[in-house]
Amino acid sequence: MTRFFALLICSVFFALSATAEVSFEAGVSIEKEAENSALAKDEAMRQAYREAFLKVAERLTSKENVEKLNELTDEQLIHFIKETDVVAEKSGSNIYMADLNIKINGELLKQYMLENQMMEIVSTPAEILVIPTYADTQYQGKVLFEDGNIWRDTLLSKGTIKAGNLTITIIADNPSNRAFLTADNAFYMSEDVFEQTKLINNAKNIFTIHAVRAGSGNVVLVIKPYNEPEKRLVVTDDENDPFEKAVQEMVDYIYNFMRQKDIDESSYKSKINVRFEYQKLKSWLDLQKLLNSTPQIKKIDTGAMAGGIVSFGIEFSGTLASLERALKEKGLTLIFEDGHYLIK
């Protein structure tokens, strides 16, 4: 048995035993000519699978490692393909064209990359992940992993940082993080960068904390939890290093923020009406199972079902944003469109 297929068996076990399967999607447009339409479609699909696979891999590792993954044969690569949705297609006597949405088995890919030293990822969940950026002045360029980030150096010098029952982890300087994360995109973080950061660092809550030196005894901290408003703190210590005091200010703020978040989400209850479109009844039954397995969802009230559309109510605890995150972990997307909530 080859190393690849031995690894594949191990990886399948890993994916099945995980609490939540991670998958990634990539859109691909293809066009191929061959002796006949069947051969054209076969060659086109092989190309599409490879393009989608490499697009997803680029989100997790360096260009050098993506080139190594490109050396996998078509027969090896097919094991990473989870699902293919045909958006549009057209074929002739010797041509095949299509727009596809291809889902990659993220857990299988991640495990393969870990086994082949292509990706660095922490093994235990980071309750609080801090991304520390720094600038000497307000108008000077920020640094993250580059030399000169004395704010990050100060945090790392503290070893394990605790805030009550929370553990604060400083993001690791490794090729996987450097491949996509910079001081510029870390602060106003896009959803794509957030998802990559969360996966690679096994993180639950992500804070970007920018420190600006403001004279010899002052530091301005700009604290930005993901998808939340920023908070500015001015830290002053004329007798000692203000960065030392800034660490404690940061810890206190994170602890109070998380405590308030827990209070808000546990006491807040709401209900929304949702629509779901399906072609087969099994899709609706599968969706019900996923929703019922989501801890935040307390009750589902099924209403009318007609014409491939089911309307139902979801009663949930916490905020709508937290519900959206919980559904996303199940592979579902909640959107508001034309005056209605839809689940896709």
C-alpha atoms as a PDB file:
ATOM      1  CA  MET A   1       0.000   0.000   0.000  1.00  0.00           C
ATOM      2  CA  THR A   2       1.406   3.381  -0.974  1.00  0.00           C
ATOM      3  CA  ARG A   3       2.046   6.133   1.552  1.00  0.00           C
ATOM      4  CA  PHE A   4      -0.747   8.205   0.029  1.00  0.00           C
ATOM      5  CA  PHE A   5      -3.457   5.605   0.456  1.00  0.00           C
ATOM      6  CA  ALA A   6      -2.225   4.641   3.921  1.00  0.00           C
ATOM      7  CA  LEU A   7      -2.496   8.295   4.808  1.00  0.00           C
ATOM      8  CA  LEU A   8      -5.889   8.467   3.131  1.00  0.00           C
ATOM      9  CA  ILE A   9      -7.299   5.751   5.400  1.00  0.00           C
ATOM     10  CA  CYS A  10      -5.958   7.586   8.454  1.00  0.00           C
ATOM     11  CA  SER A  11      -7.376  10.872   7.170  1.00  0.00           C
ATOM     12  CA  VAL A  12     -10.836   9.460   6.541  1.00  0.00           C
ATOM     13  CA  PHE A  13     -10.913   8.244  10.155  1.00  0.00           C
ATOM     14  CA  PHE A  14      -9.866  11.714  11.304  1.00  0.00           C
ATOM     15  CA  ALA A  15     -12.596  13.387   9.268  1.00  0.00           C
ATOM     16  CA  LEU A  16     -15.314  11.037  10.508  1.00  0.00           C
ATOM     17  CA  SER A  17     -14.287  11.455  14.135  1.00  0.00           C
ATOM     18  CA  ALA A  18     -14.209  15.266  13.993  1.00  0.00           C
ATOM     19  CA  THR A  19     -17.038  17.078  15.665  1.00  0.00           C
ATOM     20  CA  ALA A  20     -17.680  19.243  12.608  1.00  0.00           C
ATOM     21  CA  GLU A  21     -16.561  18.536   9.052  1.00  0.00           C
ATOM     22  CA  VAL A  22     -14.814  21.428   7.370  1.00  0.00           C
ATOM     23  CA  SER A  23     -15.258  21.891   3.629  1.00  0.00           C
ATOM     24  CA  PHE A  24     -14.232  24.623   1.216  1.00  0.00           C
ATOM     25  CA  GLU A  25     -15.718  25.731  -2.054  1.00  0.00           C
ATOM     26  CA  ALA A  26     -14.157  27.082  -5.250  1.00  0.00           C
ATOM     27  CA  GLY A  27     -15.779  28.274  -8.447  1.00  0.00           C
ATOM     28  CA  VAL A  28     -14.224  27.060 -11.706  1.00  0.00           C
ATOM     29  CA  SER A  29     -14.954  27.756 -15.385  1.00  0.00           C
ATOM     30  CA  ILE A  30     -13.655  25.180 -17.876  1.00  0.00           C
ATOM     31  CA  GLU A  31     -13.637  24.511 -21.628  1.00  0.00           C
ATOM     32  CA  LYS A  32     -12.089  21.476 -23.316  1.00  0.00           C
ATOM     33  CA  GLU A  33     -11.958  19.987 -26.803  1.00  0.00           C
ATOM     34  CA  ALA A  34     -11.274  16.309 -27.557  1.00  0.00           C
ATOM     35  CA  GLU A  35     -12.114  13.550 -30.044  1.00  0.00           C
ATOM     36  CA  ASN A  36     -15.672  13.404 -28.753  1.00  0.00           C
ATOM     37  CA  SER A  37     -17.859  15.093 -26.128  1.00  0.00           C
ATOM     38  CA  ALA A  38     -17.385  12.305 -23.568  1.00  0.00           C
ATOM     39  CA  LEU A  39     -13.591  12.619 -23.650  1.00  0.00           C
ATOM     40  CA  ALA A  40     -13.852  16.417 -23.594  1.00  0.00           C
ATOM     41  CA  LYS A  41     -15.999  16.293 -20.460  1.00  0.00           C
ATOM     42  CA  ASP A  42     -13.643  13.816 -18.760  1.00  0.00           C
ATOM     43  CA  GLU A  43     -10.593  16.005 -19.413  1.00  0.00           C
ATOM     44  CA  ALA A  44     -12.488  19.132 -18.391  1.00  0.00           C
ATOM     45  CA  MET A  45     -13.572  17.636 -15.063  1.00  0.00           C
ATOM     46  CA  ARG A  46     -10.039  16.534 -14.263  1.00  0.00           C
ATOM     47  CA  GLN A  47      -8.846  20.081 -14.903  1.00  0.00           C
ATOM     48  CA  ALA A  48     -11.695  21.555 -12.852  1.00  0.00           C
ATOM     49  CA  TYR A  49     -11.006  19.314  -9.864  1.00  0.00           C
ATOM     50  CA  ARG A  50      -7.335  20.277  -9.896  1.00  0.00           C
ATOM     51  CA  GLU A  51      -8.032  24.006 -10.190  1.00  0.00           C
ATOM     52  CA  ALA A  52     -10.556  23.935  -7.334  1.00  0.00           C
ATOM     53  CA  PHE A  53      -8.259  21.807  -5.165  1.00  0.00           C
ATOM     54  CA  LEU A  54      -5.341  24.195  -5.641  1.00  0.00           C
ATOM     55  CA  LYS A  55      -7.508  27.272  -5.055  1.00  0.00           C
ATOM     56  CA  VAL A  56      -8.562  25.904  -1.674  1.00  0.00           C
ATOM     57  CA  ALA A  57      -5.002  24.836  -0.816  1.00  0.00           C
ATOM     58  CA  GLU A  58      -3.759  28.390  -1.458  1.00  0.00           C
ATOM     59  CA  ARG A  59      -5.860  29.529   1.506  1.00  0.00           C
ATOM     60  CA  LEU A  60      -3.987  27.231   3.869  1.00  0.00           C
ATOM     61  CA  THR A  61      -0.341  27.151   2.880  1.00  0.00           C
ATOM     62  CA  SER A  62       2.519  28.734   0.940  1.00  0.00           C
ATOM     63  CA  LYS A  63       2.946  28.839  -2.834  1.00  0.00           C
ATOM     64  CA  GLU A  64       5.801  26.353  -2.578  1.00  0.00           C
ATOM     65  CA  ASN A  65       3.553  23.816  -0.860  1.00  0.00           C
ATOM     66  CA  VAL A  66       0.777  24.408  -3.385  1.00  0.00           C
ATOM     67  CA  GLU A  67       3.260  23.478  -6.105  1.00  0.00           C
ATOM     68  CA  LYS A  68       3.995  20.236  -4.246  1.00  0.00           C
ATOM     69  CA  LEU A  69       0.277  19.474  -3.971  1.00  0.00           C
ATOM     70  CA  ASN A  70      -0.016  20.008  -7.713  1.00  0.00           C
ATOM     71  CA  GLU A  71       2.248  16.967  -8.140  1.00  0.00           C
ATOM     72  CA  LEU A  72      -0.539  14.664  -6.941  1.00  0.00           C
ATOM     73  CA  THR A  73      -1.949  12.496  -9.716  1.00  0.00           C
ATOM     74  CA  ASP A  74      -5.549  12.895 -10.871  1.00  0.00           C
ATOM     75  CA  GLU A  75      -6.367   9.569  -9.219  1.00  0.00           C
ATOM     76  CA  GLN A  76      -4.968  10.754  -5.879  1.00  0.00           C
ATOM     77  CA  LEU A  77      -6.545  14.189  -6.087  1.00  0.00           C
ATOM     78  CA  ILE A  78     -10.063  12.862  -6.732  1.00  0.00           C
ATOM     79  CA  HIS A  79     -10.229  11.610  -3.126  1.00  0.00           C
ATOM     80  CA  PHE A  80     -10.303  15.228  -1.913  1.00  0.00           C
ATOM     81  CA  ILE A  81     -13.361  16.150  -3.989  1.00  0.00           C
ATOM     82  CA  LYS A  82     -16.472  16.218  -1.836  1.00  0.00           C
ATOM     83  CA  GLU A  83     -19.208  17.579  -4.082  1.00  0.00           C
ATOM     84  CA  THR A  84     -19.657  19.188  -7.506  1.00  0.00           C
ATOM     85  CA  ASP A  85     -22.488  21.576  -8.372  1.00  0.00           C
ATOM     86  CA  VAL A  86     -23.010  22.383 -12.050  1.00  0.00           C
ATOM     87  CA  VAL A  87     -23.993  26.049 -12.388  1.00  0.00           C
ATOM     88  CA  ALA A  88     -24.134  25.963 -16.202  1.00  0.00           C
ATOM     89  CA  GLU A  89     -22.870  23.628 -18.907  1.00  0.00           C
ATOM     90  CA  LYS A  90     -22.840  23.203 -22.678  1.00  0.00           C
ATOM     91  CA  SER A  91     -21.467  20.439 -24.872  1.00  0.00           C
ATOM     92  CA  GLY A  92     -21.034  19.780 -28.596  1.00  0.00           C
ATOM     93  CA  SER A  93     -19.715  16.938 -30.703  1.00  0.00           C
ATOM     94  CA  ASN A  94     -16.159  17.419 -29.425  1.00  0.00           C
ATOM     95  CA  ILE A  95     -16.347  20.188 -26.808  1.00  0.00           C
ATOM     96  CA  TYR A  96     -17.479  20.619 -23.206  1.00  0.00           C
ATOM     97  CA  MET A  97     -17.903  23.904 -21.334  1.00  0.00           C
ATOM     98  CA  ALA A  98     -19.145  24.435 -17.783  1.00  0.00           C
ATOM     99  CA  ASP A  99     -19.233  26.708 -14.751  1.00  0.00           C
ATOM    100  CA  LEU A 100     -18.855  24.600 -11.620  1.00  0.00           C
ATOM    101  CA  ASN A 101     -18.876  25.045  -7.863  1.00  0.00           C
ATOM    102  CA  ILE A 102     -16.668  22.372  -6.317  1.00  0.00           C
ATOM    103  CA  LYS A 103     -16.500  21.515  -2.615  1.00  0.00           C
ATOM    104  CA  ILE A 104     -13.247  20.144  -1.205  1.00  0.00           C
ATOM    105  CA  ASN A 105     -13.081  17.919   1.871  1.00  0.00           C
ATOM    106  CA  GLY A 106     -11.255  20.386   4.095  1.00  0.00           C
ATOM    107  CA  GLU A 107     -10.546  17.976   6.950  1.00  0.00           C
ATOM    108  CA  LEU A 108      -8.938  15.477   4.589  1.00  0.00           C
ATOM    109  CA  LEU A 109      -6.841  18.167   2.943  1.00  0.00           C
ATOM    110  CA  LYS A 110      -5.796  19.629   6.285  1.00  0.00           C
ATOM    111  CA  GLN A 111      -4.732  16.251   7.624  1.00  0.00           C
ATOM    112  CA  TYR A 112      -2.755  15.449   4.478  1.00  0.00           C
ATOM    113  CA  MET A 113      -0.942  18.765   4.716  1.00  0.00           C
ATOM    114  CA  LEU A 114      -0.181  18.250   8.395  1.00  0.00           C
ATOM    115  CA  GLU A 115       1.234  14.773   7.746  1.00  0.00           C
ATOM    116  CA  ASN A 116       3.465  16.170   4.987  1.00  0.00           C
ATOM    117  CA  GLN A 117       4.701  19.214   6.954  1.00  0.00           C
ATOM    118  CA  MET A 118       2.886  21.601   4.624  1.00  0.00           C
ATOM    119  CA  MET A 119       0.870  23.341   7.290  1.00  0.00           C
ATOM    120  CA  GLU A 120       1.382  24.443  10.853  1.00  0.00           C
ATOM    121  CA  ILE A 121      -1.665  24.391  13.094  1.00  0.00           C
ATOM    122  CA  VAL A 122      -2.066  24.336  16.857  1.00  0.00           C
ATOM    123  CA  SER A 123      -3.502  21.128  18.280  1.00  0.00           C
ATOM    124  CA  THR A 124      -5.606  22.628  21.072  1.00  0.00           C
ATOM    125  CA  PRO A 125      -8.286  25.287  20.635  1.00  0.00           C
ATOM    126  CA  ALA A 126      -7.226  28.882  21.288  1.00  0.00           C
ATOM    127  CA  GLU A 127     -10.003  30.409  23.384  1.00  0.00           C
ATOM    128  CA  ILE A 128      -8.718  33.915  22.682  1.00  0.00           C
ATOM    129  CA  LEU A 129      -6.360  34.493  19.751  1.00  0.00           C
ATOM    130  CA  VAL A 130      -4.579  37.868  19.747  1.00  0.00           C
ATOM    131  CA  ILE A 131      -3.024  39.311  16.596  1.00  0.00           C
ATOM    132  CA  PRO A 132      -0.664  42.069  17.817  1.00  0.00           C
ATOM    133  CA  THR A 133       0.308  44.759  15.300  1.00  0.00           C
ATOM    134  CA  TYR A 134       2.535  47.736  16.078  1.00  0.00           C
ATOM    135  CA  ALA A 135       3.599  51.129  14.754  1.00  0.00           C
ATOM    136  CA  ASP A 136       6.089  53.650  16.146  1.00  0.00           C
ATOM    137  CA  THR A 137       3.720  56.511  15.302  1.00  0.00           C
ATOM    138  CA  GLN A 138       0.117  56.828  14.171  1.00  0.00           C
ATOM    139  CA  TYR A 139       1.172  57.583  10.592  1.00  0.00           C
ATOM    140  CA  GLN A 140       3.905  54.983  10.184  1.00  0.00           C
ATOM    141  CA  GLY A 141       3.359  51.573   8.605  1.00  0.00           C
ATOM    142  CA  LYS A 142       2.240  48.721  10.874  1.00  0.00           C
ATOM    143  CA  VAL A 143       4.187  45.507  11.443  1.00  0.00           C
ATOM    144  CA  LEU A 144       3.020  42.066  12.519  1.00  0.00           C
ATOM    145  CA  PHE A 145       5.534  39.265  11.954  1.00  0.00           C
ATOM    146  CA  GLU A 146       8.253  41.619  10.715  1.00  0.00           C
ATOM    147  CA  ASP A 147      11.193  42.744  12.851  1.00  0.00           C
ATOM    148  CA  GLY A 148      10.506  45.646  15.174  1.00  0.00           C
ATOM    149  CA  ASN A 149       7.154  44.539  16.616  1.00  0.00           C
ATOM    150  CA  ILE A 150       8.026  45.286  20.233  1.00  0.00           C
ATOM    151  CA  TRP A 151       4.363  44.959  21.227  1.00  0.00           C
ATOM    152  CA  ARG A 152       4.296  41.324  20.093  1.00  0.00           C
ATOM    153  CA  ASP A 153       7.675  40.720  21.766  1.00  0.00           C
ATOM    154  CA  THR A 154       6.296  42.071  25.062  1.00  0.00           C
ATOM    155  CA  LEU A 155       3.263  39.782  24.897  1.00  0.00           C
ATOM    156  CA  LEU A 156       5.353  36.717  24.047  1.00  0.00           C
ATOM    157  CA  SER A 157       7.675  37.432  26.978  1.00  0.00           C
ATOM    158  CA  LYS A 158       4.748  36.844  29.363  1.00  0.00           C
ATOM    159  CA  GLY A 159       4.402  33.172  28.424  1.00  0.00           C
ATOM    160  CA  THR A 160       0.901  31.821  29.081  1.00  0.00           C
ATOM    161  CA  ILE A 161      -1.507  34.729  29.576  1.00  0.00           C
ATOM    162  CA  LYS A 162      -4.642  34.109  31.635  1.00  0.00           C
ATOM    163  CA  ALA A 163      -7.766  36.219  31.976  1.00  0.00           C
ATOM    164  CA  GLY A 164      -9.942  34.609  34.637  1.00  0.00           C
ATOM    165  CA  ASN A 165     -10.793  31.192  33.208  1.00  0.00           C
ATOM    166  CA  LEU A 166      -9.714  32.229  29.691  1.00  0.00           C
ATOM    167  CA  THR A 167      -6.382  31.552  28.010  1.00  0.00           C
ATOM    168  CA  ILE A 168      -4.979  34.154  25.633  1.00  0.00           C
ATOM    169  CA  THR A 169      -2.795  32.912  22.786  1.00  0.00           C
ATOM    170  CA  ILE A 170      -0.546  35.118  20.640  1.00  0.00           C
ATOM    171  CA  ILE A 171      -0.674  34.205  16.964  1.00  0.00           C
ATOM    172  CA  ALA A 172       2.301  32.093  15.885  1.00  0.00           C
ATOM    173  CA  ASP A 173       4.855  33.315  13.365  1.00  0.00           C
ATOM    174  CA  ASN A 174       4.821  30.424  10.921  1.00  0.00           C
ATOM    175  CA  PRO A 175       4.641  29.982   7.125  1.00  0.00           C
ATOM    176  CA  SER A 176       0.928  29.119   7.194  1.00  0.00           C
ATOM    177  CA  ASN A 177      -0.004  32.394   8.904  1.00  0.00           C
ATOM    178  CA  ARG A 178       2.487  34.462   6.917  1.00  0.00           C
ATOM    179  CA  ALA A 179       1.044  33.092   3.663  1.00  0.00           C
ATOM    180  CA  PHE A 180      -2.119  35.192   3.955  1.00  0.00           C
ATOM    181  CA  LEU A 181      -2.074  37.376   7.089  1.00  0.00           C
ATOM    182  CA  THR A 182      -0.500  40.853   7.181  1.00  0.00           C
ATOM    183  CA  ALA A 183      -0.597  43.816   9.525  1.00  0.00           C
ATOM    184  CA  ASP A 184      -2.840  45.594   7.018  1.00  0.00           C
ATOM    185  CA  ASN A 185      -5.511  42.904   6.530  1.00  0.00           C
ATOM    186  CA  ALA A 186      -5.508  41.800  10.174  1.00  0.00           C
ATOM    187  CA  PHE A 187      -7.282  44.847  11.553  1.00  0.00           C
ATOM    188  CA  TYR A 188     -10.315  45.302   9.288  1.00  0.00           C
ATOM    189  CA  MET A 189     -10.441  41.573   8.716  1.00  0.00           C
ATOM    190  CA  SER A 190     -12.487  40.174   5.840  1.00  0.00           C
ATOM    191  CA  GLU A 191     -14.597  37.074   6.333  1.00  0.00           C
ATOM    192  CA  ASP A 192     -12.222  35.065   4.152  1.00  0.00           C
ATOM    193  CA  VAL A 193      -9.164  36.064   6.214  1.00  0.00           C
ATOM    194  CA  PHE A 194     -11.113  35.413   9.427  1.00  0.00           C
ATOM    195  CA  GLU A 195     -12.057  31.885   8.352  1.00  0.00           C
ATOM    196  CA  GLN A 196      -8.475  31.079   7.367  1.00  0.00           C
ATOM    197  CA  THR A 197      -7.121  32.476  10.643  1.00  0.00           C
ATOM    198  CA  LYS A 198      -9.724  30.577  12.654  1.00  0.00           C
ATOM    199  CA  LEU A 199      -8.985  27.271  10.924  1.00  0.00           C
ATOM    200  CA  ILE A 200      -5.198  27.387  10.876  1.00  0.00           C
ATOM    201  CA  ASN A 201      -4.951  28.545  14.503  1.00  0.00           C
ATOM    202  CA  ASN A 202      -7.879  26.477  15.811  1.00  0.00           C
ATOM    203  CA  ALA A 203      -9.269  29.685  17.291  1.00  0.00           C
ATOM    204  CA  LYS A 204     -12.631  30.504  18.854  1.00  0.00           C
ATOM    205  CA  ASN A 205     -12.427  34.293  19.349  1.00  0.00           C
ATOM    206  CA  ILE A 206     -10.047  36.566  17.454  1.00  0.00           C
ATOM    207  CA  PHE A 207      -8.849  40.010  18.606  1.00  0.00           C
ATOM    208  CA  THR A 208      -6.544  42.235  16.578  1.00  0.00           C
ATOM    209  CA  ILE A 209      -4.790  44.631  18.956  1.00  0.00           C
ATOM    210  CA  HIS A 210      -2.789  47.452  17.427  1.00  0.00           C
ATOM    211  CA  ALA A 211      -0.316  49.316  19.640  1.00  0.00           C
ATOM    212  CA  VAL A 212       1.002  52.780  18.773  1.00  0.00           C
ATOM    213  CA  ARG A 213       3.835  54.426  20.663  1.00  0.00           C
ATOM    214  CA  ALA A 214       2.747  57.945  21.624  1.00  0.00           C
ATOM    215  CA  GLY A 215       5.816  59.437  23.260  1.00  0.00           C
ATOM    216  CA  SER A 216       8.158  57.936  25.812  1.00  0.00           C
ATOM    217  CA  GLY A 217       5.517  57.103  28.425  1.00  0.00           C
ATOM    218  CA  ASN A 218       2.373  56.509  26.386  1.00  0.00           C
ATOM    219  CA  VAL A 219       0.922  53.690  24.311  1.00  0.00           C
ATOM    220  CA  VAL A 220      -2.385  53.786  22.457  1.00  0.00           C
ATOM    221  CA  LEU A 221      -4.094  50.398  22.137  1.00  0.00           C
ATOM    222  CA  VAL A 222      -6.699  49.960  19.399  1.00  0.00           C
ATOM    223  CA  ILE A 223      -8.594  46.763  20.226  1.00  0.00           C
ATOM    224  CA  LYS A 224     -10.690  45.188  17.463  1.00  0.00           C
ATOM    225  CA  PRO A 225     -12.606  41.949  18.106  1.00  0.00           C
ATOM    226  CA  TYR A 226     -13.589  40.366  14.803  1.00  0.00           C
ATOM    227  CA  ASN A 227     -16.786  41.861  13.385  1.00  0.00           C
ATOM    228  CA  GLU A 228     -17.161  44.201  16.390  1.00  0.00           C
ATOM    229  CA  PRO A 229     -16.499  47.942  16.910  1.00  0.00           C
ATOM    230  CA  GLU A 230     -12.969  48.958  17.860  1.00  0.00           C
ATOM    231  CA  LYS A 231     -12.009  50.282  21.293  1.00  0.00           C
ATOM    232  CA  ARG A 232      -9.174  52.767  21.965  1.00  0.00           C
ATOM    233  CA  LEU A 233      -7.288  52.786  25.255  1.00  0.00           C
ATOM    234  CA  VAL A 234      -4.560  55.268  26.200  1.00  0.00           C
ATOM    235  CA  VAL A 235      -2.018  53.695  28.531  1.00  0.00           C
ATOM    236  CA  THR A 236       0.355  55.993  30.434  1.00  0.00           C
ATOM    237  CA  ASP A 237       3.301  55.063  32.621  1.00  0.00           C
ATOM    238  CA  ASP A 238       6.032  57.695  32.951  1.00  0.00           C
ATOM    239  CA  GLU A 239       8.161  55.684  35.371  1.00  0.00           C
ATOM    240  CA  ASN A 240       8.138  52.234  33.760  1.00  0.00           C
ATOM    241  CA  ASP A 241       7.730  50.648  30.333  1.00  0.00           C
ATOM    242  CA  PRO A 242       4.163  51.521  29.236  1.00  0.00           C
ATOM    243  CA  PHE A 243       3.973  48.310  27.184  1.00  0.00           C
ATOM    244  CA  GLU A 244       4.062  46.304  30.407  1.00  0.00           C
ATOM    245  CA  LYS A 245       1.016  48.166  31.685  1.00  0.00           C
ATOM    246  CA  ALA A 246      -0.605  47.847  28.251  1.00  0.00           C
ATOM    247  CA  VAL A 247      -0.537  44.057  28.599  1.00  0.00           C
ATOM    248  CA  GLN A 248      -2.628  44.228  31.773  1.00  0.00           C
ATOM    249  CA  GLU A 249      -5.021  46.745  30.202  1.00  0.00           C
ATOM    250  CA  MET A 250      -5.472  44.390  27.266  1.00  0.00           C
ATOM    251  CA  VAL A 251      -6.114  41.382  29.492  1.00  0.00           C
ATOM    252  CA  ASP A 252      -8.672  43.278  31.596  1.00  0.00           C
ATOM    253  CA  TYR A 253     -10.511  44.494  28.512  1.00  0.00           C
ATOM    254  CA  ILE A 254     -10.687  41.041  26.890  1.00  0.00           C
ATOM    255  CA  TYR A 255     -11.915  39.442  30.104  1.00  0.00           C
ATOM    256  CA  ASN A 256     -14.695  42.007  30.584  1.00  0.00           C
ATOM    257  CA  PHE A 257     -15.635  41.878  26.910  1.00  0.00           C
ATOM    258  CA  MET A 258     -16.004  38.090  26.923  1.00  0.00           C
ATOM    259  CA  ARG A 259     -17.920  38.104  30.213  1.00  0.00           C
ATOM    260  CA  GLN A 260     -20.399  40.635  28.837  1.00  0.00           C
ATOM    261  CA  LYS A 261     -20.682  38.673  25.610  1.00  0.00           C
ATOM    262  CA  ASP A 262     -21.591  35.525  27.547  1.00  0.00           C
ATOM    263  CA  ILE A 263     -24.228  37.453  29.521  1.00  0.00           C
ATOM    264  CA  ASP A 264     -25.716  38.992  26.373  1.00  0.00           C
ATOM    265  CA  GLU A 265     -25.878  35.750  24.432  1.00  0.00           C
ATOM    266  CA  SER A 266     -27.299  33.681  27.279  1.00  0.00           C
ATOM    267  CA  SER A 267     -30.065  36.174  28.121  1.00  0.00           C
ATOM    268  CA  TYR A 268     -31.024  37.167  24.586  1.00  0.00           C
ATOM    269  CA  LYS A 269     -33.727  35.114  22.884  1.00  0.00           C
ATOM    270  CA  SER A 270     -35.399  35.820  19.612  1.00  0.00           C
ATOM    271  CA  LYS A 271     -37.286  34.264  16.734  1.00  0.00           C
ATOM    272  CA  ILE A 272     -37.024  34.673  12.977  1.00  0.00           C
ATOM    273  CA  ASN A 273     -39.102  33.310  10.136  1.00  0.00           C
ATOM    274  CA  VAL A 274     -37.094  31.466   7.500  1.00  0.00           C
ATOM    275  CA  ARG A 275     -37.659  29.991   4.059  1.00  0.00           C
ATOM    276  CA  PHE A 276     -35.891  26.998   2.556  1.00  0.00           C
ATOM    277  CA  GLU A 277     -36.114  25.914  -1.073  1.00  0.00           C
ATOM    278  CA  TYR A 278     -35.728  22.233  -1.887  1.00  0.00           C
ATOM    279  CA  GLN A 279     -36.028  19.891  -4.829  1.00  0.00           C
ATOM    280  CA  LYS A 280     -36.343  16.705  -2.834  1.00  0.00           C
ATOM    281  CA  LEU A 281     -38.054  16.256   0.527  1.00  0.00           C
ATOM    282  CA  LYS A 282     -34.896  14.565   1.818  1.00  0.00           C
ATOM    283  CA  SER A 283     -33.092  17.942   1.641  1.00  0.00           C
ATOM    284  CA  TRP A 284     -35.600  19.429   4.075  1.00  0.00           C
ATOM    285  CA  LEU A 285     -35.345  16.428   6.398  1.00  0.00           C
ATOM    286  CA  ASP A 286     -31.543  16.677   6.355  1.00  0.00           C
ATOM    287  CA  LEU A 287     -31.770  20.395   7.136  1.00  0.00           C
ATOM    288  CA  GLN A 288     -34.041  19.710  10.110  1.00  0.00           C
ATOM    289  CA  LYS A 289     -31.449  17.322  11.544  1.00  0.00           C
ATOM    290  CA  LEU A 290     -28.704  19.952  11.224  1.00  0.00           C
ATOM    291  CA  LEU A 291     -30.850  22.645  12.813  1.00  0.00           C
ATOM    292  CA  ASN A 292     -31.915  20.399  15.698  1.00  0.00           C
ATOM    293  CA  SER A 293     -28.247  19.595  16.387  1.00  0.00           C
ATOM    294  CA  THR A 294     -27.379  23.312  16.721  1.00  0.00           C
ATOM    295  CA  PRO A 295     -27.296  24.135  20.472  1.00  0.00           C
ATOM    296  CA  GLN A 296     -28.406  27.757  20.034  1.00  0.00           C
ATOM    297  CA  ILE A 297     -31.627  26.722  18.289  1.00  0.00           C
ATOM    298  CA  LYS A 298     -34.270  26.029  20.927  1.00  0.00           C
ATOM    299  CA  LYS A 299     -37.331  25.383  18.788  1.00  0.00           C
ATOM    300  CA  ILE A 300     -38.392  24.965  15.152  1.00  0.00           C
ATOM    301  CA  ASP A 301     -41.989  25.715  14.150  1.00  0.00           C
ATOM    302  CA  THR A 302     -42.802  24.303  10.723  1.00  0.00           C
ATOM    303  CA  GLY A 303     -45.373  26.237   8.721  1.00  0.00           C
ATOM    304  CA  ALA A 304     -46.529  25.935   5.138  1.00  0.00           C
ATOM    305  CA  MET A 305     -44.901  23.632   2.579  1.00  0.00           C
ATOM    306  CA  ALA A 306     -45.744  24.179  -1.073  1.00  0.00           C
ATOM    307  CA  GLY A 307     -44.003  24.295  -4.426  1.00  0.00           C
ATOM    308  CA  GLY A 308     -40.623  23.209  -3.098  1.00  0.00           C
ATOM    309  CA  ILE A 309     -40.575  25.923  -0.418  1.00  0.00           C
ATOM    310  CA  VAL A 310     -40.988  25.403   3.313  1.00  0.00           C
ATOM    311  CA  SER A 311     -41.569  28.305   5.710  1.00  0.00           C
ATOM    312  CA  PHE A 312     -40.662  27.819   9.358  1.00  0.00           C
ATOM    313  CA  GLY A 313     -39.770  29.712  12.504  1.00  0.00           C
ATOM    314  CA  ILE A 314     -36.500  29.415  14.411  1.00  0.00           C
ATOM    315  CA  GLU A 315     -36.414  30.314  18.097  1.00  0.00           C
ATOM    316  CA  PHE A 316     -32.824  30.782  19.242  1.00  0.00           C
ATOM    317  CA  SER A 317     -30.709  32.110  22.088  1.00  0.00           C
ATOM    318  CA  GLY A 318     -27.957  34.650  21.662  1.00  0.00           C
ATOM    319  CA  THR A 319     -27.578  37.234  18.933  1.00  0.00           C
ATOM    320  CA  LEU A 320     -28.407  36.870  15.271  1.00  0.00           C
ATOM    321  CA  ALA A 321     -24.699  37.142  14.466  1.00  0.00           C
ATOM    322  CA  SER A 322     -23.921  34.237  16.796  1.00  0.00           C
ATOM    323  CA  LEU A 323     -26.703  32.190  15.158  1.00  0.00           C
ATOM    324  CA  GLU A 324     -25.195  32.914  11.736  1.00  0.00           C
ATOM    325  CA  ARG A 325     -21.795  31.717  12.970  1.00  0.00           C
ATOM    326  CA  ALA A 326     -23.287  28.543  14.454  1.00  0.00           C
ATOM    327  CA  LEU A 327     -25.109  27.753  11.211  1.00  0.00           C
ATOM    328  CA  LYS A 328     -21.966  28.402   9.197  1.00  0.00           C
ATOM    329  CA  GLU A 329     -20.145  25.754  11.224  1.00  0.00           C
ATOM    330  CA  LYS A 330     -22.844  23.335  10.020  1.00  0.00           C
ATOM    331  CA  GLY A 331     -22.202  24.321   6.407  1.00  0.00           C
ATOM    332  CA  LEU A 332     -25.328  26.519   6.215  1.00  0.00           C
ATOM    333  CA  THR A 333     -25.692  30.153   5.201  1.00  0.00           C
ATOM    334  CA  LEU A 334     -28.385  32.462   6.598  1.00  0.00           C
ATOM    335  CA  ILE A 335     -29.115  35.463   4.376  1.00  0.00           C
ATOM    336  CA  PHE A 336     -31.717  38.225   4.319  1.00  0.00           C
ATOM    337  CA  GLU A 337     -33.089  38.687   0.815  1.00  0.00           C
ATOM    338  CA  ASP A 338     -36.203  40.430  -0.521  1.00  0.00           C
ATOM    339  CA  GLY A 339     -37.592  40.873   2.975  1.00  0.00           C
ATOM    340  CA  HIS A 340     -37.129  37.235   4.027  1.00  0.00           C
ATOM    341  CA  TYR A 341     -34.508  35.137   5.774  1.00  0.00           C
ATOM    342  CA  LEU A 342     -33.303  32.241   3.620  1.00  0.00           C
ATOM    343  CA  ILE A 343     -31.159  29.238   4.542  1.00  0.00           C
ATOM    344  CA  LYS A 344     -28.892  27.814   1.881  1.00  0.00           C
END
